Protein backbone atom coordinates (compact mmCIF):
# COMPACT_ATOMS: atom_id res chain seq x y z
CA MET A 1 -33.74 -15.65 -106.39
CA PHE A 2 -31.14 -16.11 -103.65
CA PHE A 3 -27.74 -14.70 -104.38
CA SER A 4 -24.64 -14.59 -102.24
CA GLY A 5 -21.74 -12.68 -103.66
CA PRO A 6 -18.19 -12.45 -102.24
CA ARG A 7 -16.10 -9.34 -102.49
CA PHE A 8 -12.76 -8.23 -101.09
CA SER A 9 -12.37 -5.47 -98.56
CA TRP A 10 -9.23 -4.22 -96.86
CA LEU A 11 -10.77 -3.87 -93.43
CA ALA A 12 -9.57 -1.85 -90.50
CA LEU A 13 -11.67 -3.52 -87.83
CA LEU A 14 -11.41 -1.83 -84.47
CA LEU A 15 -9.97 -3.89 -81.66
CA SER A 16 -12.62 -3.30 -79.02
CA PHE A 17 -12.16 -4.75 -75.59
CA THR A 18 -14.24 -3.96 -72.56
CA THR A 19 -11.76 -3.83 -69.75
CA CYS A 20 -13.87 -4.04 -66.64
CA LEU A 21 -17.02 -5.52 -65.28
CA THR A 22 -19.45 -4.21 -62.69
CA PRO A 23 -22.07 -6.57 -61.27
CA LEU A 24 -25.24 -5.88 -59.34
CA SER A 25 -22.97 -5.67 -56.34
CA PRO A 26 -19.57 -3.91 -56.52
CA ALA A 27 -17.91 -7.04 -55.08
CA THR A 28 -17.46 -8.87 -58.42
CA PRO A 29 -13.94 -8.70 -59.96
CA ASN A 30 -13.34 -6.92 -63.26
CA VAL A 31 -13.04 -9.11 -66.38
CA LEU A 32 -13.37 -8.96 -70.16
CA PRO A 33 -16.79 -9.64 -71.80
CA ALA A 34 -15.52 -12.98 -73.14
CA GLN A 35 -14.74 -13.99 -69.56
CA ALA A 36 -18.11 -12.95 -68.13
CA SER A 37 -19.07 -16.55 -67.34
CA LEU A 38 -16.06 -16.76 -65.00
CA ALA A 39 -17.25 -13.82 -62.87
CA PRO A 40 -20.42 -14.83 -61.00
CA LEU A 41 -22.76 -12.08 -59.90
CA ALA A 42 -22.43 -11.06 -56.28
CA LEU A 43 -26.16 -11.40 -55.69
CA ALA A 44 -27.81 -10.35 -52.45
CA SER A 45 -29.96 -12.99 -50.78
CA GLN A 46 -33.13 -11.24 -51.98
CA GLN A 47 -31.90 -11.26 -55.56
CA GLN A 48 -30.95 -14.92 -55.31
CA SER A 49 -34.43 -15.68 -54.01
CA GLN A 50 -36.02 -13.72 -56.87
CA LEU A 51 -34.05 -15.57 -59.54
CA HIS A 52 -34.71 -18.89 -57.81
CA ASP A 53 -38.45 -18.14 -57.93
CA LEU A 54 -38.11 -17.16 -61.59
CA ALA A 55 -36.44 -20.51 -62.38
CA VAL A 56 -39.18 -22.40 -60.54
CA ARG A 57 -41.90 -20.62 -62.52
CA VAL A 58 -40.14 -21.32 -65.82
CA LEU A 59 -39.85 -25.03 -65.04
CA GLN A 60 -43.46 -25.31 -63.84
CA HIS A 61 -44.61 -24.66 -67.40
CA ALA A 62 -41.67 -26.26 -69.24
CA ASP A 63 -43.93 -28.86 -70.86
CA ARG A 64 -45.72 -26.09 -72.75
CA ALA A 65 -42.43 -25.54 -74.60
CA GLY A 66 -42.12 -29.26 -75.33
CA CYS A 67 -39.59 -29.63 -72.51
CA LYS A 68 -40.39 -32.92 -70.77
CA LYS A 69 -38.69 -34.17 -67.62
CA GLY A 70 -36.05 -36.75 -68.35
CA SER A 71 -35.69 -35.80 -72.02
CA CYS A 72 -35.03 -32.07 -72.12
CA THR A 73 -31.95 -29.86 -72.16
CA ILE A 74 -32.35 -26.09 -71.83
CA LEU A 75 -29.89 -23.54 -73.16
CA VAL A 76 -30.07 -20.12 -71.52
CA GLY A 77 -29.30 -17.56 -74.22
CA ASN A 78 -27.64 -14.24 -73.47
CA PHE A 79 -30.19 -11.72 -72.27
CA THR A 80 -30.62 -8.70 -74.55
CA ASP A 81 -32.11 -5.22 -74.49
CA SER A 82 -34.96 -4.00 -76.71
CA SER A 83 -32.54 -3.45 -79.62
CA GLY A 84 -31.34 -7.06 -79.54
CA SER A 85 -27.90 -6.21 -78.14
CA THR A 86 -26.45 -8.06 -75.19
CA SER A 87 -24.29 -6.52 -72.49
CA ILE A 88 -22.00 -7.55 -69.67
CA LEU A 89 -24.99 -7.38 -67.33
CA GLY A 90 -27.09 -9.40 -69.79
CA THR A 91 -24.55 -12.22 -69.95
CA GLN A 92 -24.03 -12.20 -66.19
CA LEU A 93 -27.74 -12.45 -65.45
CA ALA A 94 -28.12 -15.25 -67.99
CA ASP A 95 -25.31 -17.09 -66.18
CA ALA A 96 -27.09 -16.60 -62.85
CA VAL A 97 -30.47 -17.81 -64.15
CA SER A 98 -28.80 -20.82 -65.77
CA GLU A 99 -27.28 -21.75 -62.41
CA GLN A 100 -30.66 -21.38 -60.69
CA LEU A 101 -32.36 -23.64 -63.24
CA ALA A 102 -29.73 -26.31 -62.70
CA ALA A 103 -30.17 -26.03 -58.94
CA VAL A 104 -33.97 -26.33 -59.05
CA THR A 105 -34.24 -29.69 -60.81
CA ALA A 106 -32.18 -32.70 -61.83
CA ASP A 107 -34.91 -33.99 -64.16
CA ILE A 108 -34.15 -31.35 -66.81
CA GLN A 109 -30.60 -30.70 -67.98
CA VAL A 110 -29.17 -27.21 -68.40
CA ALA A 111 -26.60 -26.66 -71.16
CA ASP A 112 -23.14 -25.55 -70.09
CA ARG A 113 -22.87 -21.84 -70.85
CA LYS A 114 -19.08 -22.03 -70.90
CA ARG A 115 -19.47 -24.11 -74.06
CA LEU A 116 -21.73 -21.37 -75.43
CA TYR A 117 -19.05 -18.74 -74.77
CA GLU A 118 -16.46 -20.90 -76.52
CA TYR A 119 -18.79 -21.37 -79.48
CA LEU A 120 -19.50 -17.63 -79.80
CA GLU A 121 -15.77 -16.86 -79.50
CA ARG A 122 -15.15 -19.15 -82.46
CA GLU A 123 -18.16 -18.21 -84.59
CA ARG A 124 -18.31 -14.49 -83.66
CA ILE A 125 -22.02 -14.11 -84.33
CA PRO A 126 -23.22 -10.67 -83.15
CA SER A 127 -26.00 -10.71 -80.56
CA LYS A 128 -28.35 -8.75 -82.83
CA ALA A 129 -28.12 -11.56 -85.41
CA LEU A 130 -29.33 -13.97 -82.73
CA ALA A 131 -32.11 -11.78 -81.31
CA GLU A 132 -34.89 -13.33 -83.42
CA ASP A 133 -36.61 -16.32 -81.77
CA ASN A 134 -35.74 -18.81 -84.51
CA ALA A 135 -32.08 -17.78 -84.39
CA GLU A 136 -32.13 -18.50 -80.64
CA ARG A 137 -33.71 -21.89 -81.38
CA TRP A 138 -30.99 -22.64 -83.92
CA LEU A 139 -28.29 -21.67 -81.41
CA ALA A 140 -29.82 -24.03 -78.84
CA MET A 141 -29.72 -26.89 -81.33
CA GLU A 142 -26.07 -26.11 -82.03
CA GLN A 143 -25.52 -26.58 -78.28
CA SER A 144 -27.36 -29.95 -78.29
CA ALA A 145 -30.36 -28.44 -76.44
CA ASN A 146 -34.02 -28.90 -77.36
CA ALA A 147 -35.29 -25.80 -75.55
CA VAL A 148 -33.95 -22.28 -75.17
CA LEU A 149 -34.66 -19.66 -72.52
CA ILE A 150 -34.58 -16.19 -74.02
CA GLY A 151 -34.40 -13.08 -71.86
CA ARG A 152 -34.88 -9.35 -72.21
CA LEU A 153 -33.76 -6.54 -69.92
CA ASP A 154 -35.80 -3.34 -69.58
CA GLY A 155 -35.60 -0.31 -67.35
CA ASP A 156 -33.03 2.17 -66.15
CA GLY A 157 -31.84 3.67 -62.93
CA ASP A 158 -32.00 1.25 -60.02
CA LYS A 159 -34.86 -0.86 -61.38
CA LEU A 160 -34.37 -3.59 -63.95
CA THR A 161 -37.13 -5.84 -65.30
CA VAL A 162 -36.01 -9.25 -66.55
CA THR A 163 -38.50 -11.00 -68.84
CA VAL A 164 -37.81 -14.60 -69.87
CA GLN A 165 -39.61 -17.19 -72.01
CA LEU A 166 -38.89 -20.84 -72.78
CA LEU A 167 -39.08 -21.85 -76.46
CA ASP A 168 -39.14 -25.24 -78.16
CA ALA A 169 -35.86 -25.37 -80.11
CA HIS A 170 -36.83 -28.41 -82.19
CA TYR A 171 -39.60 -26.35 -83.74
CA LEU A 172 -36.98 -25.60 -86.41
CA VAL A 173 -36.84 -29.26 -87.40
CA ARG A 174 -40.37 -30.41 -86.66
CA GLY A 175 -42.39 -27.42 -87.70
CA PHE A 176 -40.53 -24.29 -88.77
CA ILE A 177 -40.74 -25.25 -92.43
CA GLY A 178 -43.90 -27.34 -92.02
CA HIS A 179 -45.79 -24.62 -90.10
CA ARG A 180 -46.21 -26.77 -87.00
CA LYS A 181 -47.75 -25.08 -83.96
CA VAL A 182 -45.16 -23.13 -81.99
CA LEU A 183 -44.54 -24.50 -78.49
CA LYS A 184 -43.47 -21.98 -75.86
CA GLY A 185 -43.92 -21.29 -72.20
CA PRO A 186 -45.49 -18.15 -70.73
CA GLN A 187 -43.46 -15.01 -70.22
CA GLU A 188 -42.12 -14.76 -66.69
CA LYS A 189 -40.87 -11.51 -65.15
CA VAL A 190 -38.85 -10.37 -62.18
CA GLU A 191 -37.89 -6.85 -61.10
CA LEU A 192 -34.42 -6.45 -59.66
CA THR A 193 -32.87 -3.55 -57.81
CA THR A 194 -29.51 -2.83 -59.41
CA THR A 195 -27.96 -0.29 -57.07
CA GLY A 196 -24.21 -0.21 -57.63
CA THR A 197 -24.33 -1.22 -61.27
CA ASP A 198 -22.65 1.41 -63.45
CA GLU A 199 -24.60 2.34 -66.57
CA GLN A 200 -21.67 1.43 -68.84
CA PHE A 201 -22.18 -2.24 -68.01
CA ARG A 202 -25.63 -2.15 -69.58
CA LYS A 203 -24.21 -0.85 -72.84
CA PRO A 204 -23.86 -3.24 -75.82
CA ALA A 205 -20.92 -5.60 -75.33
CA GLU A 206 -20.52 -8.90 -77.15
CA PRO A 207 -19.60 -11.97 -75.07
CA PHE A 208 -16.49 -12.50 -77.18
CA ARG A 209 -13.41 -10.49 -77.92
CA GLU A 210 -13.27 -8.94 -81.36
CA ALA A 211 -10.07 -9.57 -83.29
CA SER A 212 -8.92 -7.25 -86.07
CA ALA A 213 -7.42 -8.62 -89.25
CA SER A 214 -4.18 -6.75 -88.64
CA GLN A 215 -3.83 -8.02 -85.07
CA VAL A 216 -4.42 -11.65 -86.08
CA ALA A 217 -1.90 -11.39 -88.89
CA GLU A 218 0.70 -9.85 -86.61
CA ASP A 219 0.08 -12.47 -83.91
CA GLN A 220 0.64 -15.26 -86.45
CA GLY A 221 3.67 -13.63 -88.05
CA ILE A 222 2.18 -13.73 -91.56
CA PRO A 223 2.41 -10.64 -93.81
CA ARG A 224 -0.82 -8.76 -94.50
CA ALA A 225 -1.83 -8.09 -98.06
CA GLY A 226 -1.95 -4.43 -98.99
CA VAL A 227 0.73 -3.13 -96.60
CA HIS A 228 4.54 -2.90 -96.53
CA GLY A 229 4.83 -3.60 -100.24
CA VAL A 230 2.80 -6.82 -100.16
CA THR A 231 0.36 -6.84 -103.08
CA ALA A 232 -3.22 -8.05 -102.79
CA PRO A 233 -4.09 -11.50 -104.14
CA SER A 234 -6.62 -11.68 -106.95
CA GLY A 235 -9.42 -14.18 -107.33
CA VAL A 236 -9.28 -16.67 -110.19
CA TYR A 237 -12.08 -19.00 -109.14
CA THR A 238 -14.51 -17.64 -106.51
CA PRO A 239 -17.94 -19.34 -106.64
CA SER A 240 -20.65 -18.02 -104.33
CA PRO A 241 -21.83 -20.00 -101.29
CA SER A 242 -25.31 -21.46 -101.02
CA TYR A 243 -27.97 -20.63 -98.46
CA THR A 244 -28.74 -23.28 -95.86
CA ASP A 245 -32.37 -24.41 -95.64
CA PHE A 246 -32.86 -22.70 -92.26
CA ALA A 247 -31.29 -19.44 -93.48
CA ARG A 248 -33.38 -19.44 -96.65
CA THR A 249 -36.62 -19.99 -94.73
CA ALA A 250 -35.67 -17.35 -92.15
CA LYS A 251 -34.90 -14.93 -95.03
CA ILE A 252 -31.70 -13.86 -93.31
CA GLN A 253 -29.37 -11.45 -95.07
CA GLY A 254 -25.98 -10.11 -94.07
CA MET A 255 -22.24 -10.31 -94.40
CA ILE A 256 -19.69 -12.74 -93.05
CA ILE A 257 -16.10 -11.54 -92.71
CA LEU A 258 -13.39 -14.18 -92.95
CA LEU A 259 -9.65 -13.90 -92.53
CA ILE A 260 -7.71 -16.29 -94.76
CA THR A 261 -4.14 -17.00 -95.76
CA VAL A 262 -3.65 -17.15 -99.51
CA SER A 263 -0.78 -19.56 -100.00
CA VAL A 264 2.02 -19.27 -102.56
CA GLU A 265 0.09 -21.83 -104.61
CA GLY A 266 -3.02 -19.62 -104.50
CA ARG A 267 -5.07 -21.72 -102.07
CA ALA A 268 -7.22 -20.43 -99.20
CA GLU A 269 -5.79 -21.72 -95.92
CA ASN A 270 -6.11 -21.04 -92.16
CA LEU A 271 -9.64 -19.69 -92.46
CA GLU A 272 -11.00 -17.79 -89.44
CA VAL A 273 -14.29 -16.02 -88.80
CA LEU A 274 -14.02 -12.34 -87.83
CA LYS A 275 -17.77 -11.67 -88.02
CA GLY A 276 -20.37 -14.39 -88.46
CA LEU A 277 -24.04 -15.13 -89.10
CA PRO A 278 -26.40 -17.80 -87.71
CA PHE A 279 -28.30 -20.68 -89.36
CA GLY A 280 -25.14 -22.43 -90.57
CA LEU A 281 -24.05 -19.65 -92.93
CA ASN A 282 -20.57 -19.49 -91.37
CA GLN A 283 -19.92 -23.08 -92.38
CA ALA A 284 -21.42 -22.49 -95.83
CA ALA A 285 -19.02 -19.58 -96.35
CA LEU A 286 -16.02 -21.54 -95.04
CA ASN A 287 -16.82 -24.53 -97.23
CA VAL A 288 -16.97 -22.56 -100.45
CA VAL A 289 -13.99 -20.29 -99.76
CA ARG A 290 -11.83 -23.37 -99.24
CA THR A 291 -12.47 -24.15 -102.93
CA TRP A 292 -11.39 -20.70 -104.15
CA LYS A 293 -8.27 -20.20 -106.28
CA PHE A 294 -6.14 -17.05 -106.33
CA ARG A 295 -3.16 -15.41 -107.87
CA PRO A 296 -1.01 -15.03 -104.74
CA SER A 297 0.34 -11.86 -103.21
CA THR A 298 3.83 -10.78 -104.17
CA LEU A 299 6.63 -8.92 -102.44
CA GLU A 300 9.28 -7.40 -104.70
CA GLY A 301 7.95 -9.55 -107.53
CA ARG A 302 8.16 -12.83 -105.60
CA PRO A 303 4.99 -14.80 -104.71
CA ILE A 304 4.42 -15.06 -100.95
CA ALA A 305 1.73 -16.27 -98.57
CA ALA A 306 -0.29 -13.41 -97.09
CA LYS A 307 -3.25 -12.80 -94.82
CA VAL A 308 -6.30 -11.11 -96.33
CA PRO A 309 -9.82 -10.38 -94.98
CA ILE A 310 -12.71 -11.11 -97.33
CA GLU A 311 -16.41 -10.43 -97.19
CA VAL A 312 -19.00 -13.06 -98.13
CA THR A 313 -22.39 -11.42 -98.57
CA PHE A 314 -25.74 -13.21 -98.38
CA ARG A 315 -28.48 -11.15 -100.00
CA LEU A 316 -32.04 -11.84 -101.11
CA TYR A 317 -33.50 -10.41 -104.30
């Protein structure tokens, strides 16, 4: 049986910003992870040639991933390491490969990665939750693409191997549940020399800025429940959300963290995602929490509106 149960937690999420960015070449300016798409890699001519060749090889076999000329849009996902985590370098290289794909052909469209960054900033889905192939396919469909290029980074020191593969995103609709044959292109690899790239820029770093519950509340000027004499609201009517079809088939489990304002009338308002999940579970959580009823927070015995983080857990039994 599928069960998703909400529970309250007074969270102290760390505000973690990465404050600088080192590219393959030291010439690239320093930026935050969420701004990585605005800082193009300072690629040497040899590196540009290598990524251009990689893009050509991917497109030569695009039809094997169901990507036909004139009717295909490719999303380049953020490149990850073996653990499924992305990094500043992983997002930068994905940007560079996306640009090369767009330059190689006009017959196949390439999804705008700036839109992807905006989406991830809003949905705050951790890279590890998107590391599985079908989660990447789902993300591509969310970006109106019917193919997704996934990438993995391996190696250390001055040598970095980039392995990419094109996947049919519409497999989720046409065959994921119906066990249709998986369409995907061959794995393509390139080895880059990364002299000048500091090791810290290969460390896990999400392509969006994390926002703590306390910081958001302070920025919006709304009191936080549980501090400075503001009591916590209590749930009166808190039904559990339902799994989406994709999430149920993928057997995904995890926790979504939302930040909400509980109004004086006890309604959930101004809902924001602090930590999300793929396969439409964010929207499922938002939809059900909007129906919740509370006894509001109080300050000195008087009901007031207050910000409170809540956890919505999706668990399989």
